[in-house]
Amino acid sequence: HEQLLKMMEERMMDVEQKLRLVKRLLQDKVNQLKEQLAKNTKADAMVKDLYVENAQLLKALEMTEQRQKTAERKNYLLEEKIANLNRIVKNLASPSFN
């Protein structure tokens, strides 16, 4: 009977030791997952910041492209006016040379 009791105690101690090991492994895993969560949270915030910055840059690009188109139109109109003025000057100058 004592031998059975001693065997049960040894078995109990073995189970307790395995339980402590499992508890330590689980705690390590919990710590690892907490670190990963912190990294993911930080990465998520960075992605959101980049998304906002990208939207702002796209808006700035659109505005710049619109200004460029406007400047090109104005430049074209000015070139036409210059060509017309040159024709007028040439026409005015032609009779005076005759």
PDB file of N, CA and C in Angstrom:
ATOM      1  N   HIS A   1       0.818  -1.197   0.000  1.00  0.00           N
ATOM      2  CA  HIS A   1       0.000   0.000   0.000  1.00  0.00           C
ATOM      3  C   HIS A   1       0.872   1.274   0.000  1.00  0.00           C
ATOM      4  N   GLU A   2       1.944   1.249   0.791  1.00  0.00           N
ATOM      5  CA  GLU A   2       2.862   2.389   0.827  1.00  0.00           C
ATOM      6  C   GLU A   2       3.567   2.577  -0.506  1.00  0.00           C
ATOM      7  N   GLN A   3       3.889   1.477  -1.127  1.00  0.00           N
ATOM      8  CA  GLN A   3       4.574   1.543  -2.429  1.00  0.00           C
ATOM      9  C   GLN A   3       3.653   2.201  -3.461  1.00  0.00           C
ATOM     10  N   LEU A   4       2.397   1.844  -3.421  1.00  0.00           N
ATOM     11  CA  LEU A   4       1.412   2.442  -4.334  1.00  0.00           C
ATOM     12  C   LEU A   4       1.285   3.934  -4.059  1.00  0.00           C
ATOM     13  N   LEU A   5       1.288   4.298  -2.789  1.00  0.00           N
ATOM     14  CA  LEU A   5       1.206   5.695  -2.403  1.00  0.00           C
ATOM     15  C   LEU A   5       2.441   6.453  -2.889  1.00  0.00           C
ATOM     16  N   LYS A   6       3.609   5.860  -2.722  1.00  0.00           N
ATOM     17  CA  LYS A   6       4.857   6.480  -3.165  1.00  0.00           C
ATOM     18  C   LYS A   6       4.853   6.651  -4.687  1.00  0.00           C
ATOM     19  N   MET A   7       4.383   5.633  -5.401  1.00  0.00           N
ATOM     20  CA  MET A   7       4.295   5.713  -6.863  1.00  0.00           C
ATOM     21  C   MET A   7       3.346   6.840  -7.292  1.00  0.00           C
ATOM     22  N   MET A   8       2.234   6.953  -6.569  1.00  0.00           N
ATOM     23  CA  MET A   8       1.263   8.003  -6.877  1.00  0.00           C
ATOM     24  C   MET A   8       1.864   9.381  -6.618  1.00  0.00           C
ATOM     25  N   GLU A   9       2.642   9.524  -5.549  1.00  0.00           N
ATOM     26  CA  GLU A   9       3.298  10.794  -5.250  1.00  0.00           C
ATOM     27  C   GLU A   9       4.301  11.166  -6.336  1.00  0.00           C
ATOM     28  N   GLU A  10       5.077  10.171  -6.770  1.00  0.00           N
ATOM     29  CA  GLU A  10       6.063  10.420  -7.842  1.00  0.00           C
ATOM     30  C   GLU A  10       5.351  10.826  -9.132  1.00  0.00           C
ATOM     31  N   ARG A  11       4.295  10.145  -9.389  1.00  0.00           N
ATOM     32  CA  ARG A  11       3.523  10.463 -10.596  1.00  0.00           C
ATOM     33  C   ARG A  11       2.943  11.867 -10.495  1.00  0.00           C
ATOM     34  N   MET A  12       2.471  12.217  -9.312  1.00  0.00           N
ATOM     35  CA  MET A  12       1.912  13.545  -9.067  1.00  0.00           C
ATOM     36  C   MET A  12       2.986  14.612  -9.245  1.00  0.00           C
ATOM     37  N   MET A  13       4.185  14.349  -8.721  1.00  0.00           N
ATOM     38  CA  MET A  13       5.284  15.297  -8.873  1.00  0.00           C
ATOM     39  C   MET A  13       5.665  15.450 -10.339  1.00  0.00           C
ATOM     40  N   ASP A  14       5.660  14.346 -11.068  1.00  0.00           N
ATOM     41  CA  ASP A  14       5.974  14.381 -12.502  1.00  0.00           C
ATOM     42  C   ASP A  14       4.938  15.207 -13.257  1.00  0.00           C
ATOM     43  N   VAL A  15       3.675  15.014 -12.925  1.00  0.00           N
ATOM     44  CA  VAL A  15       2.587  15.766 -13.556  1.00  0.00           C
ATOM     45  C   VAL A  15       2.714  17.258 -13.216  1.00  0.00           C
ATOM     46  N   GLU A  16       3.031  17.569 -11.971  1.00  0.00           N
ATOM     47  CA  GLU A  16       3.204  18.966 -11.564  1.00  0.00           C
ATOM     48  C   GLU A  16       4.364  19.613 -12.318  1.00  0.00           C
ATOM     49  N   GLN A  17       5.449  18.861 -12.467  1.00  0.00           N
ATOM     50  CA  GLN A  17       6.611  19.389 -13.204  1.00  0.00           C
ATOM     51  C   GLN A  17       6.239  19.660 -14.665  1.00  0.00           C
ATOM     52  N   LYS A  18       5.538  18.719 -15.269  1.00  0.00           N
ATOM     53  CA  LYS A  18       5.101  18.912 -16.660  1.00  0.00           C
ATOM     54  C   LYS A  18       4.139  20.092 -16.761  1.00  0.00           C
ATOM     55  N   LEU A  19       3.291  20.236 -15.755  1.00  0.00           N
ATOM     56  CA  LEU A  19       2.352  21.343 -15.729  1.00  0.00           C
ATOM     57  C   LEU A  19       3.079  22.684 -15.655  1.00  0.00           C
ATOM     58  N   ARG A  20       4.120  22.772 -14.803  1.00  0.00           N
ATOM     59  CA  ARG A  20       4.911  23.999 -14.710  1.00  0.00           C
ATOM     60  C   ARG A  20       5.595  24.309 -16.047  1.00  0.00           C
ATOM     61  N   LEU A  21       6.109  23.261 -16.687  1.00  0.00           N
ATOM     62  CA  LEU A  21       6.754  23.446 -17.992  1.00  0.00           C
ATOM     63  C   LEU A  21       5.758  23.975 -19.025  1.00  0.00           C
ATOM     64  N   VAL A  22       4.572  23.392 -19.055  1.00  0.00           N
ATOM     65  CA  VAL A  22       3.533  23.835 -19.992  1.00  0.00           C
ATOM     66  C   VAL A  22       3.131  25.269 -19.678  1.00  0.00           C
ATOM     67  N   LYS A  23       3.014  25.577 -18.368  1.00  0.00           N
ATOM     68  CA  LYS A  23       2.659  26.940 -17.974  1.00  0.00           C
ATOM     69  C   LYS A  23       3.718  27.929 -18.440  1.00  0.00           C
ATOM     70  N   ARG A  24       4.996  27.591 -18.286  1.00  0.00           N
ATOM     71  CA  ARG A  24       6.084  28.463 -18.729  1.00  0.00           C
ATOM     72  C   ARG A  24       6.058  28.636 -20.256  1.00  0.00           C
ATOM     73  N   LEU A  25       5.828  27.530 -20.969  1.00  0.00           N
ATOM     74  CA  LEU A  25       5.749  27.612 -22.432  1.00  0.00           C
ATOM     75  C   LEU A  25       4.578  28.495 -22.875  1.00  0.00           C
ATOM     76  N   LEU A  26       3.450  28.337 -22.189  1.00  0.00           N
ATOM     77  CA  LEU A  26       2.284  29.155 -22.518  1.00  0.00           C
ATOM     78  C   LEU A  26       2.546  30.635 -22.220  1.00  0.00           C
ATOM     79  N   GLN A  27       3.220  30.920 -21.118  1.00  0.00           N
ATOM     80  CA  GLN A  27       3.538  32.306 -20.790  1.00  0.00           C
ATOM     81  C   GLN A  27       4.477  32.909 -21.836  1.00  0.00           C
ATOM     82  N   ASP A  28       5.452  32.102 -22.284  1.00  0.00           N
ATOM     83  CA  ASP A  28       6.357  32.567 -23.351  1.00  0.00           C
ATOM     84  C   ASP A  28       5.572  32.887 -24.620  1.00  0.00           C
ATOM     85  N   LYS A  29       4.622  32.022 -24.933  1.00  0.00           N
ATOM     86  CA  LYS A  29       3.800  32.233 -26.129  1.00  0.00           C
ATOM     87  C   LYS A  29       2.939  33.487 -25.970  1.00  0.00           C
ATOM     88  N   VAL A  30       2.375  33.693 -24.778  1.00  0.00           N
ATOM     89  CA  VAL A  30       1.572  34.890 -24.510  1.00  0.00           C
ATOM     90  C   VAL A  30       2.420  36.142 -24.698  1.00  0.00           C
ATOM     91  N   ASN A  31       3.646  36.120 -24.154  1.00  0.00           N
ATOM     92  CA  ASN A  31       4.546  37.269 -24.307  1.00  0.00           C
ATOM     93  C   ASN A  31       4.884  37.515 -25.774  1.00  0.00           C
ATOM     94  N   GLN A  32       5.135  36.442 -26.496  1.00  0.00           N
ATOM     95  CA  GLN A  32       5.448  36.554 -27.924  1.00  0.00           C
ATOM     96  C   GLN A  32       4.263  37.155 -28.686  1.00  0.00           C
ATOM     97  N   LEU A  33       3.064  36.704 -28.361  1.00  0.00           N
ATOM     98  CA  LEU A  33       1.876  37.222 -29.047  1.00  0.00           C
ATOM     99  C   LEU A  33       1.611  38.679 -28.686  1.00  0.00           C
ATOM    100  N   LYS A  34       1.898  39.063 -27.431  1.00  0.00           N
ATOM    101  CA  LYS A  34       1.745  40.466 -27.040  1.00  0.00           C
ATOM    102  C   LYS A  34       2.701  41.350 -27.834  1.00  0.00           C
ATOM    103  N   GLU A  35       3.940  40.886 -27.986  1.00  0.00           N
ATOM    104  CA  GLU A  35       4.917  41.643 -28.776  1.00  0.00           C
ATOM    105  C   GLU A  35       4.455  41.766 -30.229  1.00  0.00           C
ATOM    106  N   GLN A  36       3.957  40.663 -30.773  1.00  0.00           N
ATOM    107  CA  GLN A  36       3.489  40.681 -32.160  1.00  0.00           C
ATOM    108  C   GLN A  36       2.305  41.628 -32.316  1.00  0.00           C
ATOM    109  N   LEU A  37       1.405  41.644 -31.326  1.00  0.00           N
ATOM    110  CA  LEU A  37       0.258  42.548 -31.361  1.00  0.00           C
ATOM    111  C   LEU A  37       0.724  44.004 -31.346  1.00  0.00           C
ATOM    112  N   ALA A  38       1.722  44.295 -30.508  1.00  0.00           N
ATOM    113  CA  ALA A  38       2.248  45.667 -30.448  1.00  0.00           C
ATOM    114  C   ALA A  38       2.851  46.056 -31.792  1.00  0.00           C
ATOM    115  N   LYS A  39       3.608  45.142 -32.399  1.00  0.00           N
ATOM    116  CA  LYS A  39       4.206  45.417 -33.718  1.00  0.00           C
ATOM    117  C   LYS A  39       3.115  45.624 -34.771  1.00  0.00           C
ATOM    118  N   ASN A  40       2.104  44.766 -34.737  1.00  0.00           N
ATOM    119  CA  ASN A  40       1.016  44.878 -35.714  1.00  0.00           C
ATOM    120  C   ASN A  40       0.250  46.185 -35.549  1.00  0.00           C
ATOM    121  N   THR A  41       0.033  46.593 -34.297  1.00  0.00           N
ATOM    122  CA  THR A  41      -0.673  47.844 -34.029  1.00  0.00           C
ATOM    123  C   THR A  41       0.128  49.025 -34.580  1.00  0.00           C
ATOM    124  N   LYS A  42       1.435  48.983 -34.348  1.00  0.00           N
ATOM    125  CA  LYS A  42       2.302  50.048 -34.856  1.00  0.00           C
ATOM    126  C   LYS A  42       2.294  50.057 -36.390  1.00  0.00           C
ATOM    127  N   ALA A  43       2.391  48.876 -36.994  1.00  0.00           N
ATOM    128  CA  ALA A  43       2.379  48.787 -38.456  1.00  0.00           C
ATOM    129  C   ALA A  43       1.038  49.275 -39.015  1.00  0.00           C
ATOM    130  N   ASP A  44      -0.050  48.962 -38.334  1.00  0.00           N
ATOM    131  CA  ASP A  44      -1.378  49.396 -38.770  1.00  0.00           C
ATOM    132  C   ASP A  44      -1.473  50.924 -38.755  1.00  0.00           C
ATOM    133  N   ALA A  45      -0.939  51.524 -37.703  1.00  0.00           N
ATOM    134  CA  ALA A  45      -0.954  52.988 -37.611  1.00  0.00           C
ATOM    135  C   ALA A  45      -0.114  53.596 -38.732  1.00  0.00           C
ATOM    136  N   MET A  46       1.025  52.978 -39.025  1.00  0.00           N
ATOM    137  CA  MET A  46       1.887  53.482 -40.102  1.00  0.00           C
ATOM    138  C   MET A  46       1.179  53.371 -41.454  1.00  0.00           C
ATOM    139  N   VAL A  47       0.481  52.260 -41.676  1.00  0.00           N
ATOM    140  CA  VAL A  47      -0.252  52.077 -42.929  1.00  0.00           C
ATOM    141  C   VAL A  47      -1.335  53.145 -43.073  1.00  0.00           C
ATOM    142  N   LYS A  48      -2.040  53.424 -41.978  1.00  0.00           N
ATOM    143  CA  LYS A  48      -3.083  54.461 -42.022  1.00  0.00           C
ATOM    144  C   LYS A  48      -2.469  55.825 -42.324  1.00  0.00           C
ATOM    145  N   ASP A  49      -1.337  56.129 -41.686  1.00  0.00           N
ATOM    146  CA  ASP A  49      -0.653  57.397 -41.941  1.00  0.00           C
ATOM    147  C   ASP A  49      -0.229  57.492 -43.405  1.00  0.00           C
ATOM    148  N   LEU A  50       0.307  56.395 -43.943  1.00  0.00           N
ATOM    149  CA  LEU A  50       0.736  56.388 -45.342  1.00  0.00           C
ATOM    150  C   LEU A  50      -0.458  56.541 -46.285  1.00  0.00           C
ATOM    151  N   TYR A  51      -1.582  55.944 -45.919  1.00  0.00           N
ATOM    152  CA  TYR A  51      -2.792  56.059 -46.725  1.00  0.00           C
ATOM    153  C   TYR A  51      -3.235  57.520 -46.805  1.00  0.00           C
ATOM    154  N   VAL A  52      -3.230  58.196 -45.649  1.00  0.00           N
ATOM    155  CA  VAL A  52      -3.617  59.615 -45.604  1.00  0.00           C
ATOM    156  C   VAL A  52      -2.620  60.449 -46.407  1.00  0.00           C
ATOM    157  N   GLU A  53      -1.329  60.185 -46.206  1.00  0.00           N
ATOM    158  CA  GLU A  53      -0.302  60.943 -46.927  1.00  0.00           C
ATOM    159  C   GLU A  53      -0.426  60.717 -48.431  1.00  0.00           C
ATOM    160  N   ASN A  54      -0.708  59.481 -48.827  1.00  0.00           N
ATOM    161  CA  ASN A  54      -0.867  59.169 -50.249  1.00  0.00           C
ATOM    162  C   ASN A  54      -2.060  59.936 -50.839  1.00  0.00           C
ATOM    163  N   ALA A  55      -3.152  60.007 -50.096  1.00  0.00           N
ATOM    164  CA  ALA A  55      -4.329  60.739 -50.568  1.00  0.00           C
ATOM    165  C   ALA A  55      -3.995  62.219 -50.738  1.00  0.00           C
ATOM    166  N   GLN A  56      -3.235  62.769 -49.782  1.00  0.00           N
ATOM    167  CA  GLN A  56      -2.838  64.180 -49.876  1.00  0.00           C
ATOM    168  C   GLN A  56      -1.928  64.409 -51.084  1.00  0.00           C
ATOM    169  N   LEU A  57      -1.003  63.482 -51.309  1.00  0.00           N
ATOM    170  CA  LEU A  57      -0.093  63.617 -52.456  1.00  0.00           C
ATOM    171  C   LEU A  57      -0.847  63.505 -53.782  1.00  0.00           C
ATOM    172  N   LEU A  58      -1.826  62.612 -53.834  1.00  0.00           N
ATOM    173  CA  LEU A  58      -2.628  62.490 -55.054  1.00  0.00           C
ATOM    174  C   LEU A  58      -3.404  63.778 -55.329  1.00  0.00           C
ATOM    175  N   LYS A  59      -3.949  64.383 -54.275  1.00  0.00           N
ATOM    176  CA  LYS A  59      -4.677  65.642 -54.429  1.00  0.00           C
ATOM    177  C   LYS A  59      -3.733  66.737 -54.919  1.00  0.00           C
ATOM    178  N   ALA A  60      -2.532  66.791 -54.336  1.00  0.00           N
ATOM    179  CA  ALA A  60      -1.546  67.793 -54.758  1.00  0.00           C
ATOM    180  C   ALA A  60      -1.135  67.560 -56.203  1.00  0.00           C
ATOM    181  N   LEU A  61      -0.994  66.295 -56.593  1.00  0.00           N
ATOM    182  CA  LEU A  61      -0.638  65.975 -57.983  1.00  0.00           C
ATOM    183  C   LEU A  61      -1.739  66.408 -58.941  1.00  0.00           C
ATOM    184  N   GLU A  62      -2.985  66.142 -58.573  1.00  0.00           N
ATOM    185  CA  GLU A  62      -4.111  66.559 -59.414  1.00  0.00           C
ATOM    186  C   GLU A  62      -4.121  68.079 -59.590  1.00  0.00           C
ATOM    187  N   MET A  63      -3.900  68.793 -58.497  1.00  0.00           N
ATOM    188  CA  MET A  63      -3.897  70.253 -58.572  1.00  0.00           C
ATOM    189  C   MET A  63      -2.734  70.739 -59.447  1.00  0.00           C
ATOM    190  N   THR A  64      -1.581  70.119 -59.307  1.00  0.00           N
ATOM    191  CA  THR A  64      -0.420  70.500 -60.115  1.00  0.00           C
ATOM    192  C   THR A  64      -0.682  70.230 -61.589  1.00  0.00           C
ATOM    193  N   GLU A  65      -1.273  69.077 -61.889  1.00  0.00           N
ATOM    194  CA  GLU A  65      -1.599  68.757 -63.286  1.00  0.00           C
ATOM    195  C   GLU A  65      -2.606  69.757 -63.850  1.00  0.00           C
ATOM    196  N   GLN A  66      -3.584  70.142 -63.030  1.00  0.00           N
ATOM    197  CA  GLN A  66      -4.575  71.118 -63.484  1.00  0.00           C
ATOM    198  C   GLN A  66      -3.921  72.470 -63.760  1.00  0.00           C
ATOM    199  N   ARG A  67      -3.007  72.879 -62.868  1.00  0.00           N
ATOM    200  CA  ARG A  67      -2.282  74.144 -63.091  1.00  0.00           C
ATOM    201  C   ARG A  67      -1.443  74.075 -64.353  1.00  0.00           C
ATOM    202  N   GLN A  68      -0.823  72.918 -64.580  1.00  0.00           N
ATOM    203  CA  GLN A  68      -0.004  72.762 -65.785  1.00  0.00           C
ATOM    204  C   GLN A  68      -0.875  72.881 -67.037  1.00  0.00           C
ATOM    205  N   LYS A  69      -2.042  72.243 -67.034  1.00  0.00           N
ATOM    206  CA  LYS A  69      -2.944  72.339 -68.188  1.00  0.00           C
ATOM    207  C   LYS A  69      -3.371  73.779 -68.418  1.00  0.00           C
ATOM    208  N   THR A  70      -3.684  74.479 -67.322  1.00  0.00           N
ATOM    209  CA  THR A  70      -4.081  75.880 -67.438  1.00  0.00           C
ATOM    210  C   THR A  70      -2.938  76.717 -68.006  1.00  0.00           C
ATOM    211  N   ALA A  71      -1.735  76.484 -67.507  1.00  0.00           N
ATOM    212  CA  ALA A  71      -0.565  77.226 -67.990  1.00  0.00           C
ATOM    213  C   ALA A  71      -0.309  76.918 -69.465  1.00  0.00           C
ATOM    214  N   GLU A  72      -0.483  75.661 -69.866  1.00  0.00           N
ATOM    215  CA  GLU A  72      -0.296  75.293 -71.271  1.00  0.00           C
ATOM    216  C   GLU A  72      -1.325  75.990 -72.157  1.00  0.00           C
ATOM    217  N   ARG A  73      -2.585  76.046 -71.687  1.00  0.00           N
ATOM    218  CA  ARG A  73      -3.622  76.745 -72.465  1.00  0.00           C
ATOM    219  C   ARG A  73      -3.289  78.231 -72.605  1.00  0.00           C
ATOM    220  N   LYS A  74      -2.896  78.849 -71.487  1.00  0.00           N
ATOM    221  CA  LYS A  74      -2.546  80.275 -71.527  1.00  0.00           C
ATOM    222  C   LYS A  74      -1.345  80.503 -72.438  1.00  0.00           C
ATOM    223  N   ASN A  75      -0.373  79.610 -72.376  1.00  0.00           N
ATOM    224  CA  ASN A  75       0.816  79.718 -73.218  1.00  0.00           C
ATOM    225  C   ASN A  75       0.432  79.618 -74.700  1.00  0.00           C
ATOM    226  N   TYR A  76      -0.464  78.680 -75.023  1.00  0.00           N
ATOM    227  CA  TYR A  76      -0.915  78.522 -76.405  1.00  0.00           C
ATOM    228  C   TYR A  76      -1.622  79.790 -76.885  1.00  0.00           C
ATOM    229  N   LEU A  77      -2.504  80.336 -76.018  1.00  0.00           N
ATOM    230  CA  LEU A  77      -3.215  81.561 -76.401  1.00  0.00           C
ATOM    231  C   LEU A  77      -2.246  82.732 -76.584  1.00  0.00           C
ATOM    232  N   LEU A  78      -1.253  82.833 -75.732  1.00  0.00           N
ATOM    233  CA  LEU A  78      -0.252  83.899 -75.871  1.00  0.00           C
ATOM    234  C   LEU A  78       0.551  83.735 -77.161  1.00  0.00           C
ATOM    235  N   GLU A  79       0.905  82.503 -77.485  1.00  0.00           N
ATOM    236  CA  GLU A  79       1.641  82.270 -78.729  1.00  0.00           C
ATOM    237  C   GLU A  79       0.800  82.658 -79.944  1.00  0.00           C
ATOM    238  N   GLU A  80      -0.504  82.357 -79.887  1.00  0.00           N
ATOM    239  CA  GLU A  80      -1.383  82.765 -80.988  1.00  0.00           C
ATOM    240  C   GLU A  80      -1.465  84.286 -81.080  1.00  0.00           C
ATOM    241  N   LYS A  81      -1.566  84.942 -79.936  1.00  0.00           N
ATOM    242  CA  LYS A  81      -1.614  86.413 -79.932  1.00  0.00           C
ATOM    243  C   LYS A  81      -0.320  86.997 -80.497  1.00  0.00           C
ATOM    244  N   ILE A  82       0.809  86.406 -80.103  1.00  0.00           N
ATOM    245  CA  ILE A  82       2.103  86.881 -80.632  1.00  0.00           C
ATOM    246  C   ILE A  82       2.160  86.697 -82.139  1.00  0.00           C
ATOM    247  N   ALA A  83       1.698  85.534 -82.620  1.00  0.00           N
ATOM    248  CA  ALA A  83       1.701  85.278 -84.064  1.00  0.00           C
ATOM    249  C   ALA A  83       0.796  86.282 -84.772  1.00  0.00           C
ATOM    250  N   ASN A  84      -0.373  86.555 -84.190  1.00  0.00           N
ATOM    251  CA  ASN A  84      -1.288  87.533 -84.791  1.00  0.00           C
ATOM    252  C   ASN A  84      -0.677  88.933 -84.779  1.00  0.00           C
ATOM    253  N   LEU A  85      -0.052  89.310 -83.665  1.00  0.00           N
ATOM    254  CA  LEU A  85       0.593  90.631 -83.594  1.00  0.00           C
ATOM    255  C   LEU A  85       1.738  90.729 -84.611  1.00  0.00           C
ATOM    256  N   ASN A  86       2.496  89.662 -84.765  1.00  0.00           N
ATOM    257  CA  ASN A  86       3.581  89.667 -85.760  1.00  0.00           C
ATOM    258  C   ASN A  86       3.031  89.848 -87.171  1.00  0.00           C
ATOM    259  N   ARG A  87       1.900  89.216 -87.460  1.00  0.00           N
ATOM    260  CA  ARG A  87       1.271  89.388 -88.777  1.00  0.00           C
ATOM    261  C   ARG A  87       0.809  90.825 -88.975  1.00  0.00           C
ATOM    262  N   ILE A  88       0.201  91.354 -87.901  1.00  0.00           N
ATOM    263  CA  ILE A  88      -0.272  92.745 -87.989  1.00  0.00           C
ATOM    264  C   ILE A  88       0.910  93.683 -88.216  1.00  0.00           C
ATOM    265  N   VAL A  89       1.972  93.488 -87.448  1.00  0.00           N
ATOM    266  CA  VAL A  89       3.163  94.339 -87.596  1.00  0.00           C
ATOM    267  C   VAL A  89       3.740  94.169 -88.999  1.00  0.00           C
ATOM    268  N   LYS A  90       3.789  92.946 -89.488  1.00  0.00           N
ATOM    269  CA  LYS A  90       4.325  92.696 -90.833  1.00  0.00           C
ATOM    270  C   LYS A  90       3.458  93.363 -91.892  1.00  0.00           C
ATOM    271  N   ASN A  91       2.134  93.266 -91.694  1.00  0.00           N
ATOM    272  CA  ASN A  91       1.225  93.905 -92.656  1.00  0.00           C
ATOM    273  C   ASN A  91       1.347  95.430 -92.601  1.00  0.00           C
ATOM    274  N   LEU A  92       1.508  95.960 -91.390  1.00  0.00           N
ATOM    275  CA  LEU A  92       1.666  97.405 -91.253  1.00  0.00           C
ATOM    276  C   LEU A  92       3.007  97.875 -91.824  1.00  0.00           C
ATOM    277  N   ALA A  93       4.010  97.061 -91.642  1.00  0.00           N
ATOM    278  CA  ALA A  93       5.359  97.443 -92.104  1.00  0.00           C
ATOM    279  C   ALA A  93       5.481  97.289 -93.608  1.00  0.00           C
ATOM    280  N   SER A  94       4.772  96.350 -94.195  1.00  0.00           N
ATOM    281  CA  SER A  94       4.910  96.102 -95.624  1.00  0.00           C
ATOM    282  C   SER A  94       4.547  97.325 -96.480  1.00  0.00           C
ATOM    283  N   PRO A  95       3.437  97.970 -96.247  1.00  0.00           N
ATOM    284  CA  PRO A  95       3.111  99.129 -97.083  1.00  0.00           C
ATOM    285  C   PRO A  95       4.084 100.283 -96.871  1.00  0.00           C
ATOM    286  N   SER A  96       4.626 100.405 -95.681  1.00  0.00           N
ATOM    287  CA  SER A  96       5.533 101.536 -95.454  1.00  0.00           C
ATOM    288  C   SER A  96       6.855 101.347 -96.174  1.00  0.00           C
ATOM    289  N   PHE A  97       7.229 100.133 -96.481  1.00  0.00           N
ATOM    290  CA  PHE A  97       8.471  99.901 -97.228  1.00  0.00           C
ATOM    291  C   PHE A  97       8.247 100.163 -98.719  1.00  0.00           C
ATOM    292  N   ASN A  98       7.035 100.074 -99.166  1.00  0.00           N
ATOM    293  CA  ASN A  98       6.755 100.285-100.584  1.00  0.00           C
ATOM    294  C   ASN A  98       6.784 101.698-100.921  1.00  0.00           C
TER     295      ASN A  98
END
